[in-house]
Each structure stands twice: as structure tokens, then as C-alpha cells.
Amino acid sequence: MFLVDLNPVVSPVIEIIDALLWPALALIGSIGTIYCIVLGVRLAKSDDQNSRLRAKKDLIGALIGFIVIFILIIALKIAMPILQNWLEIRLQS
């Protein structure tokens, strides 16, 4: 079987992804918080029933999206060492 050492290619990619995860989490957290505050203000200022329902629907959608993105970034942060170990094992065999 022909073995190729992919470590010089894979290591920089893993380091870049690992370095970008925490700043991405902070950026998503701050943007999500500001956006949810803006939607909450829009909900509080809405006068008629239709605009209130639309603002409520937008706020719920934003919160769900924010939570999903947050969970995926945390899961990727947790999975990075596991994936790194798996890759090292696969490259050694």
C-alpha cells in the first residue's frame, strides 16, 4: 500500500481552524446578542397585531439560529482533538 504523509498539509489547516473557533464564537455571540436586542425592541414598539406577530416570529427564528450556530461551534471545538487523534492514527497505519 502506498502511504503519503499528509501531516505537513493537515497540521496548518487544523491550527487555523482551532485558532479561529474562539474568535468566531465571540463574534457570533456579540452579533447574535445585538440582533436579538434589536428584534426585541422592534417587538416592544410594534403597534398592530400583524407587525407584532412578525417581530415575534423573527425573534424566535433568530434565537433558534443563534443557539444552533453556538452549539455547532462548541461541538467543533470539542471534536477537534478527537479528529486530530483519529487523523494521526489513520496516517500512522
PDB file of N, CA and C in Angstrom:
ATOM      1  N   MET A   1       0.841  -1.177   0.000  1.00  0.00           N
ATOM      2  CA  MET A   1       0.000   0.000   0.000  1.00  0.00           C
ATOM      3  C   MET A   1       0.888   1.244   0.000  1.00  0.00           C
ATOM      4  N   PHE A   2       0.497   2.241  -0.737  1.00  0.00           N
ATOM      5  CA  PHE A   2       1.243   3.482  -0.894  1.00  0.00           C
ATOM      6  C   PHE A   2       0.824   4.459   0.198  1.00  0.00           C
ATOM      7  N   LEU A   3       1.738   4.836   1.091  1.00  0.00           N
ATOM      8  CA  LEU A   3       1.434   5.761   2.184  1.00  0.00           C
ATOM      9  C   LEU A   3       2.002   7.133   1.884  1.00  0.00           C
ATOM     10  N   VAL A   4       1.181   8.137   2.140  1.00  0.00           N
ATOM     11  CA  VAL A   4       1.591   9.516   1.921  1.00  0.00           C
ATOM     12  C   VAL A   4       1.486  10.244   3.251  1.00  0.00           C
ATOM     13  N   ASP A   5       2.489  11.013   3.584  1.00  0.00           N
ATOM     14  CA  ASP A   5       2.479  11.788   4.818  1.00  0.00           C
ATOM     15  C   ASP A   5       1.712  13.092   4.572  1.00  0.00           C
ATOM     16  N   LEU A   6       0.505  13.150   5.107  1.00  0.00           N
ATOM     17  CA  LEU A   6      -0.337  14.335   4.941  1.00  0.00           C
ATOM     18  C   LEU A   6      -0.193  15.321   6.088  1.00  0.00           C
ATOM     19  N   ASN A   7       0.624  15.005   7.057  1.00  0.00           N
ATOM     20  CA  ASN A   7       0.770  15.860   8.229  1.00  0.00           C
ATOM     21  C   ASN A   7       1.213  17.290   7.893  1.00  0.00           C
ATOM     22  N   PRO A   8       2.138  17.508   6.966  1.00  0.00           N
ATOM     23  CA  PRO A   8       2.500  18.899   6.630  1.00  0.00           C
ATOM     24  C   PRO A   8       1.345  19.702   6.038  1.00  0.00           C
ATOM     25  N   VAL A   9       0.402  19.031   5.424  1.00  0.00           N
ATOM     26  CA  VAL A   9      -0.745  19.721   4.837  1.00  0.00           C
ATOM     27  C   VAL A   9      -1.860  19.897   5.860  1.00  0.00           C
ATOM     28  N   VAL A  10      -2.090  18.874   6.660  1.00  0.00           N
ATOM     29  CA  VAL A  10      -3.227  18.866   7.581  1.00  0.00           C
ATOM     30  C   VAL A  10      -2.961  19.717   8.819  1.00  0.00           C
ATOM     31  N   SER A  11      -1.756  19.697   9.332  1.00  0.00           N
ATOM     32  CA  SER A  11      -1.453  20.429  10.570  1.00  0.00           C
ATOM     33  C   SER A  11      -1.738  21.923  10.488  1.00  0.00           C
ATOM     34  N   PRO A  12      -1.331  22.636   9.438  1.00  0.00           N
ATOM     35  CA  PRO A  12      -1.669  24.068   9.372  1.00  0.00           C
ATOM     36  C   PRO A  12      -3.170  24.330   9.280  1.00  0.00           C
ATOM     37  N   VAL A  13      -3.884  23.452   8.589  1.00  0.00           N
ATOM     38  CA  VAL A  13      -5.332  23.622   8.472  1.00  0.00           C
ATOM     39  C   VAL A  13      -5.986  23.458   9.835  1.00  0.00           C
ATOM     40  N   ILE A  14      -5.579  22.454  10.586  1.00  0.00           N
ATOM     41  CA  ILE A  14      -6.132  22.230  11.922  1.00  0.00           C
ATOM     42  C   ILE A  14      -5.789  23.390  12.847  1.00  0.00           C
ATOM     43  N   GLU A  15      -4.577  23.909  12.755  1.00  0.00           N
ATOM     44  CA  GLU A  15      -4.189  25.050  13.588  1.00  0.00           C
ATOM     45  C   GLU A  15      -5.008  26.295  13.261  1.00  0.00           C
ATOM     46  N   ILE A  16      -5.265  26.525  11.984  1.00  0.00           N
ATOM     47  CA  ILE A  16      -6.072  27.689  11.581  1.00  0.00           C
ATOM     48  C   ILE A  16      -7.504  27.547  12.086  1.00  0.00           C
ATOM     49  N   ILE A  17      -8.092  26.374  11.913  1.00  0.00           N
ATOM     50  CA  ILE A  17      -9.464  26.154  12.387  1.00  0.00           C
ATOM     51  C   ILE A  17      -9.523  26.312  13.896  1.00  0.00           C
ATOM     52  N   ASP A  18      -8.562  25.742  14.600  1.00  0.00           N
ATOM     53  CA  ASP A  18      -8.539  25.835  16.057  1.00  0.00           C
ATOM     54  C   ASP A  18      -8.358  27.277  16.519  1.00  0.00           C
ATOM     55  N   ALA A  19      -7.548  28.047  15.807  1.00  0.00           N
ATOM     56  CA  ALA A  19      -7.322  29.442  16.186  1.00  0.00           C
ATOM     57  C   ALA A  19      -8.543  30.314  15.906  1.00  0.00           C
ATOM     58  N   LEU A  20      -9.351  29.955  14.933  1.00  0.00           N
ATOM     59  CA  LEU A  20     -10.497  30.777  14.567  1.00  0.00           C
ATOM     60  C   LEU A  20     -11.776  30.456  15.338  1.00  0.00           C
ATOM     61  N   LEU A  21     -11.808  29.341  16.060  1.00  0.00           N
ATOM     62  CA  LEU A  21     -13.050  28.940  16.715  1.00  0.00           C
ATOM     63  C   LEU A  21     -13.469  29.890  17.836  1.00  0.00           C
ATOM     64  N   TRP A  22     -12.558  30.251  18.728  1.00  0.00           N
ATOM     65  CA  TRP A  22     -12.945  31.137  19.838  1.00  0.00           C
ATOM     66  C   TRP A  22     -13.296  32.547  19.366  1.00  0.00           C
ATOM     67  N   PRO A  23     -12.521  33.141  18.436  1.00  0.00           N
ATOM     68  CA  PRO A  23     -12.975  34.438  17.917  1.00  0.00           C
ATOM     69  C   PRO A  23     -14.320  34.353  17.194  1.00  0.00           C
ATOM     70  N   ALA A  24     -14.555  33.250  16.481  1.00  0.00           N
ATOM     71  CA  ALA A  24     -15.851  33.077  15.809  1.00  0.00           C
ATOM     72  C   ALA A  24     -16.972  32.978  16.833  1.00  0.00           C
ATOM     73  N   LEU A  25     -16.716  32.291  17.920  1.00  0.00           N
ATOM     74  CA  LEU A  25     -17.715  32.177  18.982  1.00  0.00           C
ATOM     75  C   LEU A  25     -18.017  33.535  19.594  1.00  0.00           C
ATOM     76  N   ALA A  26     -16.993  34.331  19.831  1.00  0.00           N
ATOM     77  CA  ALA A  26     -17.207  35.675  20.381  1.00  0.00           C
ATOM     78  C   ALA A  26     -17.952  36.565  19.392  1.00  0.00           C
ATOM     79  N   LEU A  27     -17.597  36.479  18.120  1.00  0.00           N
ATOM     80  CA  LEU A  27     -18.248  37.292  17.100  1.00  0.00           C
ATOM     81  C   LEU A  27     -19.712  36.899  16.940  1.00  0.00           C
ATOM     82  N   ILE A  28     -19.985  35.619  16.854  1.00  0.00           N
ATOM     83  CA  ILE A  28     -21.365  35.144  16.737  1.00  0.00           C
ATOM     84  C   ILE A  28     -22.161  35.529  17.971  1.00  0.00           C
ATOM     85  N   GLY A  29     -21.546  35.415  19.140  1.00  0.00           N
ATOM     86  CA  GLY A  29     -22.236  35.780  20.373  1.00  0.00           C
ATOM     87  C   GLY A  29     -22.600  37.251  20.425  1.00  0.00           C
ATOM     88  N   SER A  30     -21.680  38.102  20.042  1.00  0.00           N
ATOM     89  CA  SER A  30     -21.963  39.535  20.110  1.00  0.00           C
ATOM     90  C   SER A  30     -22.954  39.966  19.037  1.00  0.00           C
ATOM     91  N   ILE A  31     -22.792  39.482  17.826  1.00  0.00           N
ATOM     92  CA  ILE A  31     -23.737  39.837  16.761  1.00  0.00           C
ATOM     93  C   ILE A  31     -25.128  39.286  17.070  1.00  0.00           C
ATOM     94  N   GLY A  32     -25.186  38.056  17.542  1.00  0.00           N
ATOM     95  CA  GLY A  32     -26.475  37.457  17.892  1.00  0.00           C
ATOM     96  C   GLY A  32     -27.172  38.205  19.008  1.00  0.00           C
ATOM     97  N   THR A  33     -26.406  38.624  20.001  1.00  0.00           N
ATOM     98  CA  THR A  33     -26.993  39.372  21.114  1.00  0.00           C
ATOM     99  C   THR A  33     -27.538  40.718  20.652  1.00  0.00           C
ATOM    100  N   ILE A  34     -26.759  41.428  19.858  1.00  0.00           N
ATOM    101  CA  ILE A  34     -27.211  42.732  19.361  1.00  0.00           C
ATOM    102  C   ILE A  34     -28.442  42.572  18.476  1.00  0.00           C
ATOM    103  N   TYR A  35     -28.442  41.574  17.610  1.00  0.00           N
ATOM    104  CA  TYR A  35     -29.574  41.354  16.722  1.00  0.00           C
ATOM    105  C   TYR A  35     -30.838  40.990  17.511  1.00  0.00           C
ATOM    106  N   CYS A  36     -30.695  40.150  18.541  1.00  0.00           N
ATOM    107  CA  CYS A  36     -31.852  39.792  19.358  1.00  0.00           C
ATOM    108  C   CYS A  36     -32.372  41.000  20.144  1.00  0.00           C
ATOM    109  N   ILE A  37     -31.497  41.867  20.588  1.00  0.00           N
ATOM    110  CA  ILE A  37     -31.936  43.087  21.270  1.00  0.00           C
ATOM    111  C   ILE A  37     -32.714  43.981  20.302  1.00  0.00           C
ATOM    112  N   VAL A  38     -32.202  44.140  19.082  1.00  0.00           N
ATOM    113  CA  VAL A  38     -32.903  44.952  18.074  1.00  0.00           C
ATOM    114  C   VAL A  38     -34.280  44.360  17.779  1.00  0.00           C
ATOM    115  N   LEU A  39     -34.361  43.044  17.636  1.00  0.00           N
ATOM    116  CA  LEU A  39     -35.652  42.410  17.383  1.00  0.00           C
ATOM    117  C   LEU A  39     -36.586  42.533  18.579  1.00  0.00           C
ATOM    118  N   GLY A  40     -36.040  42.480  19.785  1.00  0.00           N
ATOM    119  CA  GLY A  40     -36.859  42.666  20.979  1.00  0.00           C
ATOM    120  C   GLY A  40     -37.415  44.069  21.061  1.00  0.00           C
ATOM    121  N   VAL A  41     -36.616  45.058  20.708  1.00  0.00           N
ATOM    122  CA  VAL A  41     -37.093  46.444  20.685  1.00  0.00           C
ATOM    123  C   VAL A  41     -38.173  46.605  19.616  1.00  0.00           C
ATOM    124  N   ARG A  42     -37.959  45.977  18.460  1.00  0.00           N
ATOM    125  CA  ARG A  42     -38.967  46.035  17.403  1.00  0.00           C
ATOM    126  C   ARG A  42     -40.277  45.397  17.866  1.00  0.00           C
ATOM    127  N   LEU A  43     -40.174  44.302  18.619  1.00  0.00           N
ATOM    128  CA  LEU A  43     -41.370  43.644  19.157  1.00  0.00           C
ATOM    129  C   LEU A  43     -42.070  44.551  20.167  1.00  0.00           C
ATOM    130  N   ALA A  44     -41.302  45.215  20.999  1.00  0.00           N
ATOM    131  CA  ALA A  44     -41.890  46.087  22.006  1.00  0.00           C
ATOM    132  C   ALA A  44     -42.535  47.326  21.392  1.00  0.00           C
ATOM    133  N   LYS A  45     -41.998  47.812  20.278  1.00  0.00           N
ATOM    134  CA  LYS A  45     -42.524  49.019  19.648  1.00  0.00           C
ATOM    135  C   LYS A  45     -43.633  48.757  18.638  1.00  0.00           C
ATOM    136  N   SER A  46     -43.885  47.502  18.311  1.00  0.00           N
ATOM    137  CA  SER A  46     -44.887  47.214  17.283  1.00  0.00           C
ATOM    138  C   SER A  46     -46.283  47.569  17.792  1.00  0.00           C
ATOM    139  N   ASP A  47     -47.052  48.210  16.894  1.00  0.00           N
ATOM    140  CA  ASP A  47     -48.369  48.696  17.275  1.00  0.00           C
ATOM    141  C   ASP A  47     -49.486  47.717  16.927  1.00  0.00           C
ATOM    142  N   ASP A  48     -49.528  47.275  15.694  1.00  0.00           N
ATOM    143  CA  ASP A  48     -50.621  46.395  15.305  1.00  0.00           C
ATOM    144  C   ASP A  48     -50.252  44.926  15.489  1.00  0.00           C
ATOM    145  N   GLN A  49     -51.262  44.085  15.392  1.00  0.00           N
ATOM    146  CA  GLN A  49     -51.084  42.650  15.669  1.00  0.00           C
ATOM    147  C   GLN A  49     -50.180  41.973  14.632  1.00  0.00           C
ATOM    148  N   ASN A  50     -50.303  42.362  13.368  1.00  0.00           N
ATOM    149  CA  ASN A  50     -49.503  41.722  12.317  1.00  0.00           C
ATOM    150  C   ASN A  50     -48.010  41.990  12.495  1.00  0.00           C
ATOM    151  N   SER A  51     -47.649  43.230  12.780  1.00  0.00           N
ATOM    152  CA  SER A  51     -46.230  43.535  12.969  1.00  0.00           C
ATOM    153  C   SER A  51     -45.693  42.898  14.248  1.00  0.00           C
ATOM    154  N   ARG A  52     -46.538  42.774  15.248  1.00  0.00           N
ATOM    155  CA  ARG A  52     -46.128  42.102  16.486  1.00  0.00           C
ATOM    156  C   ARG A  52     -45.858  40.617  16.239  1.00  0.00           C
ATOM    157  N   LEU A  53     -46.737  39.977  15.485  1.00  0.00           N
ATOM    158  CA  LEU A  53     -46.545  38.550  15.182  1.00  0.00           C
ATOM    159  C   LEU A  53     -45.297  38.341  14.322  1.00  0.00           C
ATOM    160  N   ARG A  54     -45.088  39.237  13.364  1.00  0.00           N
ATOM    161  CA  ARG A  54     -43.889  39.117  12.512  1.00  0.00           C
ATOM    162  C   ARG A  54     -42.616  39.330  13.336  1.00  0.00           C
ATOM    163  N   ALA A  55     -42.614  40.314  14.222  1.00  0.00           N
ATOM    164  CA  ALA A  55     -41.445  40.571  15.066  1.00  0.00           C
ATOM    165  C   ALA A  55     -41.199  39.397  16.012  1.00  0.00           C
ATOM    166  N   LYS A  56     -42.267  38.819  16.533  1.00  0.00           N
ATOM    167  CA  LYS A  56     -42.128  37.662  17.428  1.00  0.00           C
ATOM    168  C   LYS A  56     -41.560  36.468  16.662  1.00  0.00           C
ATOM    169  N   LYS A  57     -42.056  36.259  15.447  1.00  0.00           N
ATOM    170  CA  LYS A  57     -41.566  35.167  14.607  1.00  0.00           C
ATOM    171  C   LYS A  57     -40.088  35.378  14.256  1.00  0.00           C
ATOM    172  N   ASP A  58     -39.709  36.603  13.920  1.00  0.00           N
ATOM    173  CA  ASP A  58     -38.309  36.909  13.615  1.00  0.00           C
ATOM    174  C   ASP A  58     -37.409  36.687  14.829  1.00  0.00           C
ATOM    175  N   LEU A  59     -37.876  37.089  15.992  1.00  0.00           N
ATOM    176  CA  LEU A  59     -37.093  36.921  17.219  1.00  0.00           C
ATOM    177  C   LEU A  59     -36.892  35.448  17.547  1.00  0.00           C
ATOM    178  N   ILE A  60     -37.937  34.659  17.418  1.00  0.00           N
ATOM    179  CA  ILE A  60     -37.821  33.220  17.692  1.00  0.00           C
ATOM    180  C   ILE A  60     -36.863  32.563  16.699  1.00  0.00           C
ATOM    181  N   GLY A  61     -36.973  32.926  15.424  1.00  0.00           N
ATOM    182  CA  GLY A  61     -36.066  32.383  14.407  1.00  0.00           C
ATOM    183  C   GLY A  61     -34.617  32.765  14.664  1.00  0.00           C
ATOM    184  N   ALA A  62     -34.402  34.020  15.069  1.00  0.00           N
ATOM    185  CA  ALA A  62     -33.036  34.477  15.362  1.00  0.00           C
ATOM    186  C   ALA A  62     -32.462  33.740  16.565  1.00  0.00           C
ATOM    187  N   LEU A  63     -33.278  33.556  17.599  1.00  0.00           N
ATOM    188  CA  LEU A  63     -32.796  32.838  18.786  1.00  0.00           C
ATOM    189  C   LEU A  63     -32.458  31.388  18.464  1.00  0.00           C
ATOM    190  N   ILE A  64     -33.304  30.730  17.691  1.00  0.00           N
ATOM    191  CA  ILE A  64     -33.034  29.338  17.327  1.00  0.00           C
ATOM    192  C   ILE A  64     -31.759  29.250  16.482  1.00  0.00           C
ATOM    193  N   GLY A  65     -31.618  30.136  15.513  1.00  0.00           N
ATOM    194  CA  GLY A  65     -30.412  30.143  14.687  1.00  0.00           C
ATOM    195  C   GLY A  65     -29.163  30.425  15.501  1.00  0.00           C
ATOM    196  N   PHE A  66     -29.248  31.382  16.402  1.00  0.00           N
ATOM    197  CA  PHE A  66     -28.125  31.728  17.269  1.00  0.00           C
ATOM    198  C   PHE A  66     -27.718  30.535  18.128  1.00  0.00           C
ATOM    199  N   ILE A  67     -28.677  29.862  18.703  1.00  0.00           N
ATOM    200  CA  ILE A  67     -28.390  28.710  19.567  1.00  0.00           C
ATOM    201  C   ILE A  67     -27.769  27.569  18.757  1.00  0.00           C
ATOM    202  N   VAL A  68     -28.297  27.313  17.556  1.00  0.00           N
ATOM    203  CA  VAL A  68     -27.757  26.234  16.723  1.00  0.00           C
ATOM    204  C   VAL A  68     -26.308  26.525  16.320  1.00  0.00           C
ATOM    205  N   ILE A  69     -26.036  27.751  15.885  1.00  0.00           N
ATOM    206  CA  ILE A  69     -24.668  28.111  15.498  1.00  0.00           C
ATOM    207  C   ILE A  69     -23.728  28.016  16.697  1.00  0.00           C
ATOM    208  N   PHE A  70     -24.170  28.485  17.850  1.00  0.00           N
ATOM    209  CA  PHE A  70     -23.373  28.430  19.072  1.00  0.00           C
ATOM    210  C   PHE A  70     -23.039  26.983  19.431  1.00  0.00           C
ATOM    211  N   ILE A  71     -24.030  26.103  19.383  1.00  0.00           N
ATOM    212  CA  ILE A  71     -23.811  24.691  19.711  1.00  0.00           C
ATOM    213  C   ILE A  71     -22.868  24.034  18.706  1.00  0.00           C
ATOM    214  N   LEU A  72     -23.009  24.372  17.425  1.00  0.00           N
ATOM    215  CA  LEU A  72     -22.129  23.775  16.417  1.00  0.00           C
ATOM    216  C   LEU A  72     -20.677  24.212  16.586  1.00  0.00           C
ATOM    217  N   ILE A  73     -20.458  25.463  16.946  1.00  0.00           N
ATOM    218  CA  ILE A  73     -19.086  25.926  17.165  1.00  0.00           C
ATOM    219  C   ILE A  73     -18.483  25.245  18.387  1.00  0.00           C
ATOM    220  N   ILE A  74     -19.254  25.115  19.463  1.00  0.00           N
ATOM    221  CA  ILE A  74     -18.765  24.418  20.660  1.00  0.00           C
ATOM    222  C   ILE A  74     -18.488  22.949  20.339  1.00  0.00           C
ATOM    223  N   ALA A  75     -19.374  22.314  19.572  1.00  0.00           N
ATOM    224  CA  ALA A  75     -19.164  20.909  19.199  1.00  0.00           C
ATOM    225  C   ALA A  75     -17.905  20.751  18.358  1.00  0.00           C
ATOM    226  N   LEU A  76     -17.659  21.686  17.460  1.00  0.00           N
ATOM    227  CA  LEU A  76     -16.436  21.629  16.653  1.00  0.00           C
ATOM    228  C   LEU A  76     -15.205  21.817  17.522  1.00  0.00           C
ATOM    229  N   LYS A  77     -15.288  22.712  18.500  1.00  0.00           N
ATOM    230  CA  LYS A  77     -14.167  22.935  19.419  1.00  0.00           C
ATOM    231  C   LYS A  77     -13.882  21.665  20.226  1.00  0.00           C
ATOM    232  N   ILE A  78     -14.923  20.978  20.646  1.00  0.00           N
ATOM    233  CA  ILE A  78     -14.746  19.736  21.404  1.00  0.00           C
ATOM    234  C   ILE A  78     -14.237  18.619  20.495  1.00  0.00           C
ATOM    235  N   ALA A  79     -14.711  18.579  19.250  1.00  0.00           N
ATOM    236  CA  ALA A  79     -14.368  17.488  18.339  1.00  0.00           C
ATOM    237  C   ALA A  79     -12.987  17.627  17.718  1.00  0.00           C
ATOM    238  N   MET A  80     -12.400  18.798  17.737  1.00  0.00           N
ATOM    239  CA  MET A  80     -11.099  18.996  17.088  1.00  0.00           C
ATOM    240  C   MET A  80     -10.012  18.055  17.630  1.00  0.00           C
ATOM    241  N   PRO A  81      -9.823  17.928  18.945  1.00  0.00           N
ATOM    242  CA  PRO A  81      -8.794  16.980  19.417  1.00  0.00           C
ATOM    243  C   PRO A  81      -9.104  15.530  19.042  1.00  0.00           C
ATOM    244  N   ILE A  82     -10.373  15.170  19.054  1.00  0.00           N
ATOM    245  CA  ILE A  82     -10.763  13.813  18.687  1.00  0.00           C
ATOM    246  C   ILE A  82     -10.442  13.560  17.217  1.00  0.00           C
ATOM    247  N   LEU A  83     -10.775  14.516  16.367  1.00  0.00           N
ATOM    248  CA  LEU A  83     -10.475  14.375  14.948  1.00  0.00           C
ATOM    249  C   LEU A  83      -8.968  14.368  14.684  1.00  0.00           C
ATOM    250  N   GLN A  84      -8.231  15.154  15.450  1.00  0.00           N
ATOM    251  CA  GLN A  84      -6.776  15.182  15.305  1.00  0.00           C
ATOM    252  C   GLN A  84      -6.170  13.822  15.667  1.00  0.00           C
ATOM    253  N   ASN A  85      -6.627  13.237  16.770  1.00  0.00           N
ATOM    254  CA  ASN A  85      -6.132  11.914  17.170  1.00  0.00           C
ATOM    255  C   ASN A  85      -6.493  10.860  16.132  1.00  0.00           C
ATOM    256  N   TRP A  86      -7.715  10.925  15.624  1.00  0.00           N
ATOM    257  CA  TRP A  86      -8.151   9.962  14.617  1.00  0.00           C
ATOM    258  C   TRP A  86      -7.290  10.082  13.362  1.00  0.00           C
ATOM    259  N   LEU A  87      -7.011  11.310  12.963  1.00  0.00           N
ATOM    260  CA  LEU A  87      -6.195  11.521  11.774  1.00  0.00           C
ATOM    261  C   LEU A  87      -4.771  11.009  11.977  1.00  0.00           C
ATOM    262  N   GLU A  88      -4.205  11.234  13.150  1.00  0.00           N
ATOM    263  CA  GLU A  88      -2.858  10.742  13.423  1.00  0.00           C
ATOM    264  C   GLU A  88      -2.818   9.232  13.396  1.00  0.00           C
ATOM    265  N   ILE A  89      -3.828   8.578  13.931  1.00  0.00           N
ATOM    266  CA  ILE A  89      -3.883   7.112  13.917  1.00  0.00           C
ATOM    267  C   ILE A  89      -4.002   6.611  12.493  1.00  0.00           C
ATOM    268  N   ARG A  90      -4.863   7.261  11.697  1.00  0.00           N
ATOM    269  CA  ARG A  90      -5.063   6.840  10.312  1.00  0.00           C
ATOM    270  C   ARG A  90      -3.786   7.043   9.478  1.00  0.00           C
ATOM    271  N   LEU A  91      -3.043   8.100   9.767  1.00  0.00           N
ATOM    272  CA  LEU A  91      -1.834   8.355   8.995  1.00  0.00           C
ATOM    273  C   LEU A  91      -0.707   7.420   9.383  1.00  0.00           C
ATOM    274  N   GLN A  92      -0.710   6.935  10.615  1.00  0.00           N
ATOM    275  CA  GLN A  92       0.338   6.013  11.061  1.00  0.00           C
ATOM    276  C   GLN A  92       0.136   4.618  10.532  1.00  0.00           C
ATOM    277  N   SER A  93      -1.110   4.227  10.303  1.00  0.00           N
ATOM    278  CA  SER A  93      -1.353   2.842   9.844  1.00  0.00           C
ATOM    279  C   SER A  93      -1.280   2.704   8.354  1.00  0.00           C
TER     280      SER A  93
END
